[in-house]
N, C-alpha and C. Protein backbone atom coordinates (compact mmCIF):
# COMPACT_ATOMS: atom_id res chain seq x y z
N MET A 1 128.05 175.20 92.96
CA MET A 1 128.75 174.98 91.70
C MET A 1 130.10 174.35 91.99
N SER A 2 130.49 173.50 91.09
CA SER A 2 131.75 172.79 91.26
C SER A 2 132.93 173.72 90.95
N ALA A 3 134.01 173.56 91.71
CA ALA A 3 135.22 174.35 91.45
C ALA A 3 135.87 173.92 90.14
N GLU A 4 135.52 172.74 89.67
CA GLU A 4 136.10 172.21 88.44
C GLU A 4 135.35 172.69 87.19
N ALA A 5 134.22 173.33 87.37
CA ALA A 5 133.40 173.74 86.23
C ALA A 5 134.12 174.80 85.40
N VAL A 6 133.92 174.73 84.10
CA VAL A 6 134.48 175.69 83.15
C VAL A 6 133.36 176.65 82.75
N HIS A 7 133.68 177.93 82.69
CA HIS A 7 132.66 178.94 82.34
C HIS A 7 132.80 179.40 80.90
N PHE A 8 131.65 179.58 80.24
CA PHE A 8 131.57 180.16 78.90
C PHE A 8 130.54 181.26 78.96
N ASN A 9 130.80 182.38 78.26
CA ASN A 9 129.75 183.38 78.17
C ASN A 9 128.74 182.92 77.11
N MET A 10 127.62 183.60 77.05
CA MET A 10 126.53 183.19 76.16
C MET A 10 126.98 183.11 74.70
N HIS A 11 127.71 184.09 74.25
CA HIS A 11 128.17 184.11 72.86
C HIS A 11 129.09 182.92 72.58
N GLU A 12 130.04 182.66 73.49
CA GLU A 12 130.94 181.52 73.31
C GLU A 12 130.16 180.22 73.29
N ALA A 13 129.16 180.10 74.15
CA ALA A 13 128.36 178.87 74.22
C ALA A 13 127.62 178.63 72.92
N LYS A 14 127.04 179.68 72.35
CA LYS A 14 126.34 179.52 71.07
C LYS A 14 127.30 179.17 69.95
N THR A 15 128.46 179.78 69.97
CA THR A 15 129.44 179.56 68.92
C THR A 15 130.08 178.19 69.00
N HIS A 16 130.28 177.69 70.21
CA HIS A 16 131.05 176.46 70.41
C HIS A 16 130.23 175.34 71.06
N LEU A 17 128.94 175.28 70.76
CA LEU A 17 128.08 174.30 71.42
C LEU A 17 128.58 172.86 71.24
N SER A 18 128.98 172.49 70.03
CA SER A 18 129.42 171.11 69.82
C SER A 18 130.67 170.80 70.65
N ARG A 19 131.57 171.75 70.79
CA ARG A 19 132.76 171.54 71.63
C ARG A 19 132.39 171.42 73.10
N ILE A 20 131.41 172.23 73.53
CA ILE A 20 130.95 172.16 74.91
C ILE A 20 130.35 170.79 75.19
N ILE A 21 129.53 170.31 74.28
CA ILE A 21 128.91 168.99 74.46
C ILE A 21 129.99 167.91 74.52
N GLU A 22 130.98 168.01 73.69
CA GLU A 22 132.08 167.04 73.71
C GLU A 22 132.80 167.05 75.06
N ARG A 23 133.02 168.23 75.59
CA ARG A 23 133.68 168.34 76.90
C ARG A 23 132.82 167.74 78.00
N VAL A 24 131.52 167.98 77.91
CA VAL A 24 130.60 167.41 78.90
C VAL A 24 130.61 165.88 78.79
N GLU A 25 130.63 165.35 77.57
CA GLU A 25 130.69 163.91 77.39
C GLU A 25 131.97 163.32 77.99
N ASN A 26 133.00 164.14 78.11
CA ASN A 26 134.27 163.69 78.70
C ASN A 26 134.34 163.98 80.20
N GLY A 27 133.20 164.33 80.80
CA GLY A 27 133.13 164.45 82.26
C GLY A 27 133.21 165.84 82.84
N GLU A 28 133.34 166.88 82.02
CA GLU A 28 133.41 168.24 82.56
C GLU A 28 132.03 168.81 82.80
N GLU A 29 131.92 169.69 83.77
CA GLU A 29 130.72 170.49 83.96
C GLU A 29 130.99 171.86 83.34
N ILE A 30 130.03 172.35 82.60
CA ILE A 30 130.17 173.65 81.93
C ILE A 30 129.11 174.59 82.48
N ILE A 31 129.53 175.78 82.84
CA ILE A 31 128.61 176.82 83.31
C ILE A 31 128.49 177.87 82.21
N ILE A 32 127.26 178.25 81.90
CA ILE A 32 126.99 179.31 80.92
C ILE A 32 126.67 180.59 81.69
N ASP A 33 127.38 181.65 81.38
CA ASP A 33 127.19 182.95 82.04
C ASP A 33 126.50 183.93 81.08
N ARG A 34 125.66 184.78 81.67
CA ARG A 34 125.10 185.92 80.92
C ARG A 34 125.52 187.16 81.68
N ALA A 35 126.26 188.01 80.99
CA ALA A 35 126.76 189.26 81.59
C ALA A 35 127.52 188.98 82.88
N GLY A 36 128.30 187.90 82.87
CA GLY A 36 129.14 187.57 84.01
C GLY A 36 128.44 186.82 85.14
N THR A 37 127.15 186.57 84.99
CA THR A 37 126.39 185.86 86.01
C THR A 37 126.05 184.46 85.54
N PRO A 38 126.39 183.42 86.30
CA PRO A 38 126.06 182.06 85.90
C PRO A 38 124.54 181.87 85.82
N VAL A 39 124.07 181.30 84.69
CA VAL A 39 122.63 181.10 84.52
C VAL A 39 122.27 179.64 84.19
N ALA A 40 123.23 178.83 83.78
CA ALA A 40 122.92 177.45 83.42
C ALA A 40 124.14 176.57 83.62
N LYS A 41 123.88 175.31 83.93
CA LYS A 41 124.94 174.33 84.04
C LYS A 41 124.66 173.22 83.03
N VAL A 42 125.67 172.86 82.25
CA VAL A 42 125.55 171.77 81.29
C VAL A 42 126.28 170.58 81.88
N ILE A 43 125.53 169.51 82.12
CA ILE A 43 126.11 168.30 82.70
C ILE A 43 125.71 167.10 81.85
N LEU A 44 126.41 166.01 82.02
CA LEU A 44 126.13 164.80 81.28
C LEU A 44 124.78 164.22 81.69
N LEU A 45 123.98 163.85 80.73
CA LEU A 45 122.71 163.19 80.98
C LEU A 45 122.96 161.69 81.07
N VAL A 46 122.69 161.13 82.23
CA VAL A 46 122.91 159.70 82.42
C VAL A 46 121.57 159.01 82.19
N ARG A 47 121.52 158.25 81.11
CA ARG A 47 120.29 157.52 80.80
C ARG A 47 120.23 156.26 81.64
N ARG A 48 119.09 156.04 82.26
CA ARG A 48 118.95 154.87 83.11
C ARG A 48 118.81 153.59 82.29
N VAL A 49 118.09 153.68 81.18
CA VAL A 49 117.85 152.49 80.36
C VAL A 49 117.89 152.91 78.90
N ASN A 50 118.53 152.12 78.08
CA ASN A 50 118.56 152.39 76.64
C ASN A 50 117.34 151.72 76.01
N ARG A 51 116.41 152.52 75.53
CA ARG A 51 115.18 152.00 74.94
C ARG A 51 115.16 152.17 73.42
N THR A 52 116.31 152.10 72.78
CA THR A 52 116.35 152.33 71.34
C THR A 52 116.10 151.06 70.54
N ALA A 53 116.26 149.91 71.13
CA ALA A 53 116.12 148.66 70.38
C ALA A 53 114.66 148.21 70.34
N ILE A 54 114.25 147.66 69.23
CA ILE A 54 112.91 147.10 69.11
C ILE A 54 112.82 145.92 70.08
N GLY A 55 111.74 145.88 70.82
CA GLY A 55 111.54 144.80 71.78
C GLY A 55 112.20 145.03 73.12
N SER A 56 112.67 146.25 73.39
CA SER A 56 113.37 146.50 74.65
C SER A 56 112.44 146.42 75.86
N LEU A 57 111.14 146.46 75.63
CA LEU A 57 110.18 146.32 76.73
C LEU A 57 109.53 144.94 76.76
N ALA A 58 110.05 144.01 75.99
CA ALA A 58 109.47 142.66 75.93
C ALA A 58 109.41 142.06 77.33
N GLY A 59 108.23 141.55 77.67
CA GLY A 59 108.04 140.93 78.97
C GLY A 59 107.77 141.91 80.09
N GLN A 60 107.82 143.20 79.81
CA GLN A 60 107.62 144.21 80.85
C GLN A 60 106.30 144.95 80.71
N VAL A 61 105.65 144.79 79.57
CA VAL A 61 104.38 145.48 79.33
C VAL A 61 103.32 144.42 79.09
N ASP A 62 102.21 144.56 79.81
CA ASP A 62 101.12 143.60 79.68
C ASP A 62 99.90 144.33 79.12
N LEU A 63 99.53 144.01 77.89
CA LEU A 63 98.37 144.63 77.25
C LEU A 63 97.18 143.70 77.38
N SER A 64 96.03 144.27 77.73
CA SER A 64 94.83 143.45 77.79
C SER A 64 94.46 143.00 76.38
N SER A 65 93.65 141.96 76.31
CA SER A 65 93.30 141.38 75.00
C SER A 65 92.49 142.34 74.14
N ASP A 66 91.83 143.34 74.76
CA ASP A 66 91.00 144.26 73.97
C ASP A 66 91.67 145.62 73.77
N TRP A 67 93.00 145.68 73.87
CA TRP A 67 93.69 146.96 73.79
C TRP A 67 93.48 147.68 72.47
N ASP A 68 93.19 146.94 71.39
CA ASP A 68 93.00 147.57 70.08
C ASP A 68 91.60 147.30 69.54
N SER A 69 90.64 147.12 70.42
CA SER A 69 89.27 146.84 69.97
C SER A 69 88.61 148.12 69.49
N PRO A 70 87.58 147.99 68.67
CA PRO A 70 86.85 149.19 68.23
C PRO A 70 86.28 150.00 69.41
N GLU A 71 85.85 149.30 70.46
CA GLU A 71 85.30 150.00 71.62
C GLU A 71 86.38 150.83 72.33
N THR A 72 87.55 150.24 72.50
CA THR A 72 88.65 150.96 73.15
C THR A 72 89.07 152.15 72.32
N ASN A 73 89.19 151.95 71.01
CA ASN A 73 89.58 153.06 70.12
C ASN A 73 88.54 154.17 70.13
N ALA A 74 87.24 153.79 70.17
CA ALA A 74 86.18 154.80 70.22
C ALA A 74 86.24 155.58 71.53
N ALA A 75 86.52 154.89 72.64
CA ALA A 75 86.60 155.57 73.93
C ALA A 75 87.79 156.54 73.95
N ILE A 76 88.91 156.16 73.37
CA ILE A 76 90.07 157.05 73.31
C ILE A 76 89.76 158.24 72.42
N ALA A 77 89.15 158.01 71.25
CA ALA A 77 88.80 159.10 70.34
C ALA A 77 87.82 160.05 71.04
N ASP A 78 86.86 159.50 71.78
CA ASP A 78 85.90 160.34 72.49
C ASP A 78 86.61 161.19 73.54
N GLY A 79 87.60 160.60 74.21
CA GLY A 79 88.35 161.33 75.21
C GLY A 79 89.10 162.52 74.64
N PHE A 80 89.49 162.43 73.35
CA PHE A 80 90.17 163.52 72.67
C PHE A 80 89.21 164.43 71.91
N GLY A 81 87.90 164.15 72.03
CA GLY A 81 86.91 164.97 71.36
C GLY A 81 86.85 164.75 69.87
N VAL A 82 87.27 163.56 69.44
CA VAL A 82 87.26 163.21 68.02
C VAL A 82 86.12 162.21 67.81
N GLY A 83 85.28 162.47 66.83
CA GLY A 83 84.17 161.55 66.55
C GLY A 83 84.69 160.23 66.03
N GLY A 84 84.26 159.12 66.58
CA GLY A 84 84.75 157.81 66.21
C GLY A 84 83.79 157.07 65.47
């Protein structure tokens, strides 16, 4: 555990979750304690790629020409045990 980490007990963490998240977004590590024992660390999630925009996978995904054919859909439905 980092010496820079800030500790919150479980009740404080539940009460102040939005503040804890804000602190984490500003680079702090937060440790959550239960009965004085550290049980969880809250750290910033670093996303490798932002996939929120439409077309963000353009040129990276190659679909075969029959990806939406009745045969392909029937095979997928059969795999899930759904009558096609």
